[in-house]
Amino acid sequence: MMLMMMCVACEKPNFDGDDNEVSNKTRIDLGDVPVNFSLGTIEQGATHSESEAKAMDNAIGTRAQQELGELCARLDFAVYKLGAGNKNKLAEVNQTSDKTGFGTVSMSLNEGEYVVVAIAHNGKGKATMTNPRKITFPDNKVTDTFYFIDTINVKGEAINENMNMRRAVAKVTLRLMDELPSEFNQWKFHYTGGSSTFDAVAGNGCVRSRQTEYRSAQSNNAYEVYTFPRSDSEKLNMEVCALDKNDNTLRERTFEPRVMRNVNTEMKGAFFDNNKKDDDEKKNDDDEKTEDGNTFHFVVDNADWEVIRFPFD
């Protein structure tokens, strides 16, 4: 019965078969030419494609640098051989931020053309990188994720390159203005429109996923979920349920947050009490931009995520 359920799932779980234990291997030996990669900048306050920039014409972009180990716990790096239009994985290293060597990979390769891909994330295990166009994560769970991809042409001289990584995900934050009821146990987020599978070549999500996440109560009443934006979808269809300890629904609401790479769409409002609004939001209602029937206000809180405000009643 369990095998039958697995077979009909929307996406296949990670059956890579490899042990998720990592020893922070930092070297790949496949030839005679030295090739070295080390972490360069971590892109924050990202640049956007033309369509993304048009949608965010009221946003202010900033850039900052931050240590990767402060953002992600894992780094998975793979090298692929180009040939006949295919990308065949030759080798892979997997690292965790708590061990020596995190963020540095040395290789020796034969002459030829290769593709290298690095994925930094916070998943429970290493990513499956057999195909750079379909990278998956343990249990199909998406966390804050950065990526690097490059094509290198090895001709006999040593290559030294920095991995300048870009954020790959969009984030949606539910920020409550009212209090949780006493019988509340956890949140259930179920959403479509994004992807839990990443195409590193295209830089976006590549599978039409049905994602489900659970979150327990937080002292700051803010709850975050992630997705890889797809090229054919600019928003999520999201059902948010407040559940009691028996998984009975206390309240369910539906949202359509916009999602773009490196953007945090913050849904702020009173989830249980429709009549509760803070004074600042009431005062600013007339000043906010209305788009597609929803209310948006584009701001930048800091040099990390660009933020879209999505107030709700």
Protein backbone atom coordinates (compact mmCIF):
# COMPACT_ATOMS: atom_id res chain seq x y z
CA MET A 1 0.00 0.00 0.00
CA MET A 2 2.82 2.42 0.85
CA LEU A 3 4.53 1.72 -2.48
CA MET A 4 1.27 2.35 -4.36
CA MET A 5 0.85 5.71 -2.61
CA MET A 6 4.38 6.70 -3.55
CA CYS A 7 3.78 5.86 -7.19
CA VAL A 8 0.76 8.15 -7.52
CA ALA A 9 2.37 11.16 -5.82
CA CYS A 10 2.71 14.38 -7.83
CA GLU A 11 6.50 14.24 -7.52
CA LYS A 12 8.79 11.35 -6.81
CA PRO A 13 10.52 11.38 -3.45
CA ASN A 14 14.29 11.42 -3.28
CA PHE A 15 15.31 7.81 -3.95
CA ASP A 16 18.89 8.71 -4.76
CA GLY A 17 20.14 5.81 -2.68
CA ASP A 18 23.15 7.76 -1.42
CA ASP A 19 23.96 8.19 2.24
CA ASN A 20 23.12 11.70 3.45
CA GLU A 21 26.11 11.70 5.78
CA VAL A 22 28.75 14.11 4.48
CA SER A 23 32.45 14.29 5.29
CA ASN A 24 32.96 17.68 3.59
CA LYS A 25 35.02 16.27 0.77
CA THR A 26 36.61 19.20 -1.02
CA ARG A 27 38.44 17.54 -3.92
CA ILE A 28 37.49 15.77 -7.17
CA ASP A 29 40.20 14.01 -9.17
CA LEU A 30 39.24 13.34 -12.79
CA GLY A 31 42.28 14.52 -14.77
CA ASP A 32 45.47 16.58 -14.74
CA VAL A 33 44.34 20.25 -14.95
CA PRO A 34 43.73 22.03 -11.59
CA VAL A 35 40.37 23.77 -11.23
CA ASN A 36 39.53 25.54 -7.97
CA PHE A 37 36.24 27.07 -6.82
CA SER A 38 35.66 29.13 -3.69
CA LEU A 39 32.71 31.15 -2.44
CA GLY A 40 32.58 34.68 -3.78
CA THR A 41 29.64 37.00 -3.16
CA ILE A 42 26.16 35.97 -2.05
CA GLU A 43 23.61 37.94 -4.03
CA GLN A 44 20.99 39.70 -1.94
CA GLY A 45 18.73 42.47 -3.12
CA ALA A 46 18.81 40.63 -6.43
CA THR A 47 18.55 41.93 -9.96
CA HIS A 48 15.52 40.68 -11.87
CA SER A 49 14.52 39.64 -15.33
CA GLU A 50 12.72 42.20 -17.51
CA SER A 51 9.30 40.81 -16.57
CA GLU A 52 10.17 40.72 -12.86
CA ALA A 53 11.53 44.26 -12.95
CA LYS A 54 8.35 45.53 -14.62
CA ALA A 55 6.21 43.91 -11.93
CA MET A 56 8.36 45.50 -9.24
CA ASP A 57 8.68 48.98 -10.72
CA ASN A 58 7.94 50.54 -7.32
CA ALA A 59 10.49 48.47 -5.42
CA ILE A 60 13.96 49.63 -4.42
CA GLY A 61 16.78 47.10 -4.93
CA THR A 62 19.85 47.00 -2.70
CA ARG A 63 22.81 44.66 -2.49
CA ALA A 64 24.67 43.25 0.44
CA GLN A 65 27.13 40.46 1.09
CA GLN A 66 26.80 37.85 3.81
CA GLU A 67 28.65 34.66 4.73
CA LEU A 68 26.98 31.63 3.17
CA GLY A 69 27.33 29.69 6.42
CA GLU A 70 25.05 32.25 8.08
CA LEU A 71 22.35 31.60 5.48
CA CYS A 72 22.62 27.91 4.55
CA ALA A 73 23.70 24.74 6.32
CA ARG A 74 24.51 22.66 3.22
CA LEU A 75 26.42 23.04 -0.04
CA ASP A 76 26.12 20.46 -2.83
CA PHE A 77 28.47 20.76 -5.81
CA ALA A 78 28.46 18.70 -9.00
CA VAL A 79 30.46 18.67 -12.23
CA TYR A 80 28.91 17.53 -15.52
CA LYS A 81 30.46 16.65 -18.87
CA LEU A 82 29.01 18.30 -21.96
CA GLY A 83 28.42 16.03 -24.91
CA ALA A 84 25.79 15.47 -27.59
CA GLY A 85 23.56 18.03 -25.90
CA ASN A 86 23.52 16.11 -22.64
CA LYS A 87 24.93 16.91 -19.23
CA ASN A 88 26.24 13.75 -17.58
CA LYS A 89 27.23 14.01 -13.93
CA LEU A 90 30.84 12.99 -13.38
CA ALA A 91 31.29 13.70 -9.69
CA GLU A 92 29.73 15.41 -6.68
CA VAL A 93 30.80 16.73 -3.29
CA ASN A 94 28.52 17.51 -0.35
CA GLN A 95 29.42 19.80 2.52
CA THR A 96 27.87 21.11 5.74
CA SER A 97 28.65 24.47 7.31
CA ASP A 98 29.68 22.99 10.66
CA LYS A 99 32.71 21.23 9.14
CA THR A 100 36.03 22.44 7.81
CA GLY A 101 36.26 23.15 4.08
CA PHE A 102 32.74 24.49 3.65
CA GLY A 103 32.52 26.54 0.46
CA THR A 104 35.74 25.37 -1.23
CA VAL A 105 36.02 22.75 -3.99
CA SER A 106 39.21 21.75 -5.84
CA MET A 107 39.24 19.56 -8.94
CA SER A 108 41.61 18.14 -11.50
CA LEU A 109 39.99 17.64 -14.91
CA ASN A 110 40.97 16.53 -18.37
CA GLU A 111 40.77 19.05 -21.19
CA GLY A 112 37.24 19.67 -22.38
CA GLU A 113 34.05 21.57 -21.60
CA TYR A 114 32.19 21.06 -18.34
CA VAL A 115 29.23 22.46 -16.44
CA VAL A 116 29.54 23.01 -12.68
CA VAL A 117 26.56 23.57 -10.38
CA ALA A 118 26.53 24.49 -6.69
CA ILE A 119 23.37 24.46 -4.54
CA ALA A 120 23.34 25.92 -1.01
CA HIS A 121 20.27 25.20 1.11
CA ASN A 122 18.90 24.21 4.52
CA GLY A 123 17.35 20.85 3.69
CA LYS A 124 17.48 17.83 6.00
CA GLY A 125 19.85 16.06 3.58
CA LYS A 126 21.78 16.65 0.39
CA ALA A 127 20.09 17.60 -2.85
CA THR A 128 19.74 15.09 -5.68
CA MET A 129 21.78 16.53 -8.56
CA THR A 130 21.78 13.71 -11.12
CA ASN A 131 20.22 16.10 -13.64
CA PRO A 132 21.04 19.83 -13.32
CA ARG A 133 17.68 20.64 -14.87
CA LYS A 134 15.74 18.68 -12.20
CA ILE A 135 17.35 19.16 -8.80
CA THR A 136 15.26 17.83 -5.92
CA PHE A 137 15.52 17.95 -2.14
CA PRO A 138 14.73 15.50 0.70
CA ASP A 139 10.97 15.04 1.13
CA ASN A 140 10.51 17.69 -1.61
CA LYS A 141 10.87 20.40 1.06
CA VAL A 142 12.04 23.80 -0.15
CA THR A 143 14.18 26.00 2.12
CA ASP A 144 16.14 29.20 1.55
CA THR A 145 18.29 28.19 -1.44
CA PHE A 146 21.14 29.77 -3.43
CA TYR A 147 22.73 28.50 -6.63
CA PHE A 148 25.73 28.89 -8.93
CA ILE A 149 26.15 27.52 -12.46
CA ASP A 150 28.92 27.99 -14.99
CA THR A 151 30.37 26.38 -18.10
CA ILE A 152 34.15 26.03 -17.99
CA ASN A 153 36.50 25.22 -20.86
CA VAL A 154 39.57 23.36 -19.58
CA LYS A 155 42.49 23.83 -21.96
CA GLY A 156 45.55 22.95 -19.91
CA GLU A 157 45.97 25.97 -17.65
CA ALA A 158 44.79 26.05 -14.06
CA ILE A 159 41.41 27.71 -13.43
CA ASN A 160 40.51 29.61 -10.27
CA GLU A 161 36.96 30.94 -9.97
CA ASN A 162 34.67 32.44 -7.35
CA MET A 163 31.17 31.05 -6.93
CA ASN A 164 28.97 34.15 -6.93
CA MET A 165 25.69 32.69 -5.75
CA ARG A 166 22.15 33.90 -6.43
CA ARG A 167 19.04 33.24 -4.39
CA ALA A 168 16.78 30.74 -6.18
CA VAL A 169 13.58 30.91 -4.14
CA ALA A 170 10.63 33.13 -3.34
CA LYS A 171 9.33 33.40 0.21
CA VAL A 172 5.82 33.96 1.53
CA THR A 173 5.37 35.15 5.12
CA LEU A 174 2.10 35.08 7.02
CA ARG A 175 2.28 37.77 9.72
CA LEU A 176 -0.65 37.80 12.15
CA MET A 177 -2.14 40.87 13.80
CA ASP A 178 -4.51 38.91 16.05
CA GLU A 179 -3.90 36.30 18.74
CA LEU A 180 -4.03 32.54 18.26
CA PRO A 181 -7.07 30.84 19.81
CA SER A 182 -6.38 28.61 22.83
CA GLU A 183 -7.19 25.43 20.89
CA PHE A 184 -4.70 26.22 18.10
CA ASN A 185 -2.00 23.58 17.49
CA GLN A 186 -0.38 24.24 14.09
CA TRP A 187 -0.68 25.84 10.66
CA LYS A 188 -1.11 23.96 7.41
CA PHE A 189 -0.02 25.71 4.20
CA HIS A 190 -1.07 24.01 0.98
CA TYR A 191 -0.15 25.78 -2.25
CA THR A 192 0.23 25.36 -5.99
CA GLY A 193 1.74 27.65 -8.61
CA GLY A 194 5.35 27.14 -7.54
CA SER A 195 7.74 24.21 -7.66
CA SER A 196 9.75 22.05 -5.29
CA THR A 197 12.09 21.02 -8.14
CA PHE A 198 14.77 23.40 -9.44
CA ASP A 199 16.20 23.83 -12.93
CA ALA A 200 19.69 25.30 -12.38
CA VAL A 201 20.17 25.91 -16.11
CA ALA A 202 17.04 28.06 -16.45
CA GLY A 203 17.22 29.36 -12.87
CA ASN A 204 13.61 28.60 -11.96
CA GLY A 205 11.19 25.91 -10.83
CA CYS A 206 10.42 23.25 -13.40
CA VAL A 207 7.63 21.03 -11.99
CA ARG A 208 4.04 21.96 -11.19
CA SER A 209 4.14 21.00 -7.55
CA ARG A 210 1.55 20.69 -4.83
CA GLN A 211 3.43 21.83 -1.76
CA THR A 212 2.30 21.32 1.83
CA GLU A 213 4.05 22.76 4.89
CA TYR A 214 3.20 22.71 8.59
CA ARG A 215 4.30 25.37 11.08
CA SER A 216 3.97 25.46 14.86
CA ALA A 217 3.15 28.60 16.85
CA GLN A 218 5.88 31.26 16.90
CA SER A 219 6.31 34.03 19.45
CA ASN A 220 6.55 36.68 16.71
CA ASN A 221 3.44 35.33 14.93
CA ALA A 222 5.30 35.16 11.59
CA TYR A 223 5.34 31.99 9.48
CA GLU A 224 7.49 31.46 6.38
CA VAL A 225 7.27 29.06 3.43
CA TYR A 226 9.35 28.84 0.24
CA THR A 227 8.96 27.85 -3.39
CA PHE A 228 10.93 27.93 -6.65
CA PRO A 229 9.03 30.36 -8.93
CA ARG A 230 8.09 28.94 -12.32
CA SER A 231 8.37 30.81 -15.61
CA ASP A 232 4.66 30.16 -16.33
CA SER A 233 3.27 31.27 -12.98
CA GLU A 234 3.57 34.56 -11.08
CA LYS A 235 1.42 33.76 -8.05
CA LEU A 236 0.47 30.95 -5.72
CA ASN A 237 -2.93 29.53 -4.97
CA MET A 238 -2.52 29.10 -1.22
CA GLU A 239 -4.86 27.60 1.36
CA VAL A 240 -3.91 28.38 4.97
CA CYS A 241 -5.56 26.31 7.69
CA ALA A 242 -5.37 26.76 11.46
CA LEU A 243 -5.60 23.29 13.02
CA ASP A 244 -6.26 22.00 16.53
CA LYS A 245 -4.41 19.06 18.10
CA ASN A 246 -6.77 16.61 16.33
CA ASP A 247 -6.11 18.28 12.95
CA ASN A 248 -9.61 19.75 12.88
CA THR A 249 -9.81 23.06 10.99
CA LEU A 250 -10.40 26.10 13.18
CA ARG A 251 -10.31 28.54 10.29
CA GLU A 252 -9.30 28.30 6.63
CA ARG A 253 -8.47 31.17 4.31
CA THR A 254 -7.32 31.38 0.68
CA PHE A 255 -4.67 33.78 -0.68
CA GLU A 256 -2.99 34.46 -4.02
CA PRO A 257 0.43 35.93 -3.14
CA ARG A 258 2.73 37.05 -5.95
CA VAL A 259 6.02 35.11 -6.07
CA MET A 260 9.32 36.19 -7.64
CA ARG A 261 12.89 35.13 -7.03
CA ASN A 262 14.48 36.82 -4.00
CA VAL A 263 11.15 38.44 -3.04
CA ASN A 264 9.35 37.97 0.28
CA THR A 265 5.59 38.47 -0.09
CA GLU A 266 4.37 39.37 3.39
CA MET A 267 0.70 38.65 4.02
CA LYS A 268 -0.24 40.72 7.05
CA GLY A 269 -3.61 40.86 8.74
CA ALA A 270 -6.03 39.47 11.30
CA PHE A 271 -6.55 35.84 10.35
CA PHE A 272 -9.22 35.06 12.95
CA ASP A 273 -10.70 38.53 13.64
CA ASN A 274 -11.67 40.33 10.41
CA ASN A 275 -12.42 43.58 12.19
CA LYS A 276 -9.00 44.01 13.75
CA LYS A 277 -6.56 46.38 12.00
CA ASP A 278 -3.74 48.34 13.51
CA ASP A 279 -3.81 52.14 13.28
CA ASP A 280 -0.90 52.39 10.87
CA GLU A 281 -2.50 50.09 8.33
CA LYS A 282 -5.82 51.95 8.50
CA LYS A 283 -4.01 55.24 7.97
CA ASN A 284 -2.03 53.95 4.98
CA ASP A 285 -4.84 52.10 3.17
CA ASP A 286 -5.50 54.96 0.73
CA ASP A 287 -1.83 55.29 -0.18
CA GLU A 288 -1.20 51.69 -1.18
CA LYS A 289 -1.08 50.51 -4.76
CA THR A 290 -3.97 48.35 -6.01
CA GLU A 291 -3.15 45.73 -8.63
CA ASP A 292 -5.37 42.96 -10.02
CA GLY A 293 -7.94 43.57 -7.30
CA ASN A 294 -5.42 43.12 -4.49
CA THR A 295 -3.62 45.71 -2.40
CA PHE A 296 0.17 45.88 -2.75
CA HIS A 297 2.79 48.14 -1.25
CA PHE A 298 6.37 47.67 -2.43
CA VAL A 299 9.07 48.33 0.16
CA VAL A 300 12.54 47.18 1.08
CA ASP A 301 13.12 46.41 4.74
CA ASN A 302 16.86 45.74 4.48
CA ALA A 303 19.59 44.51 2.16
CA ASP A 304 18.32 40.94 2.19
CA TRP A 305 14.89 40.12 0.78
CA GLU A 306 12.94 42.55 -1.33
CA VAL A 307 9.49 42.75 0.24
CA ILE A 308 5.96 42.98 -1.16
CA ARG A 309 3.32 43.96 1.39
CA PHE A 310 0.06 42.04 0.94
CA PRO A 311 -2.42 43.28 3.59
CA PHE A 312 -5.58 41.27 4.04
CA ASP A 313 -8.84 41.71 5.99
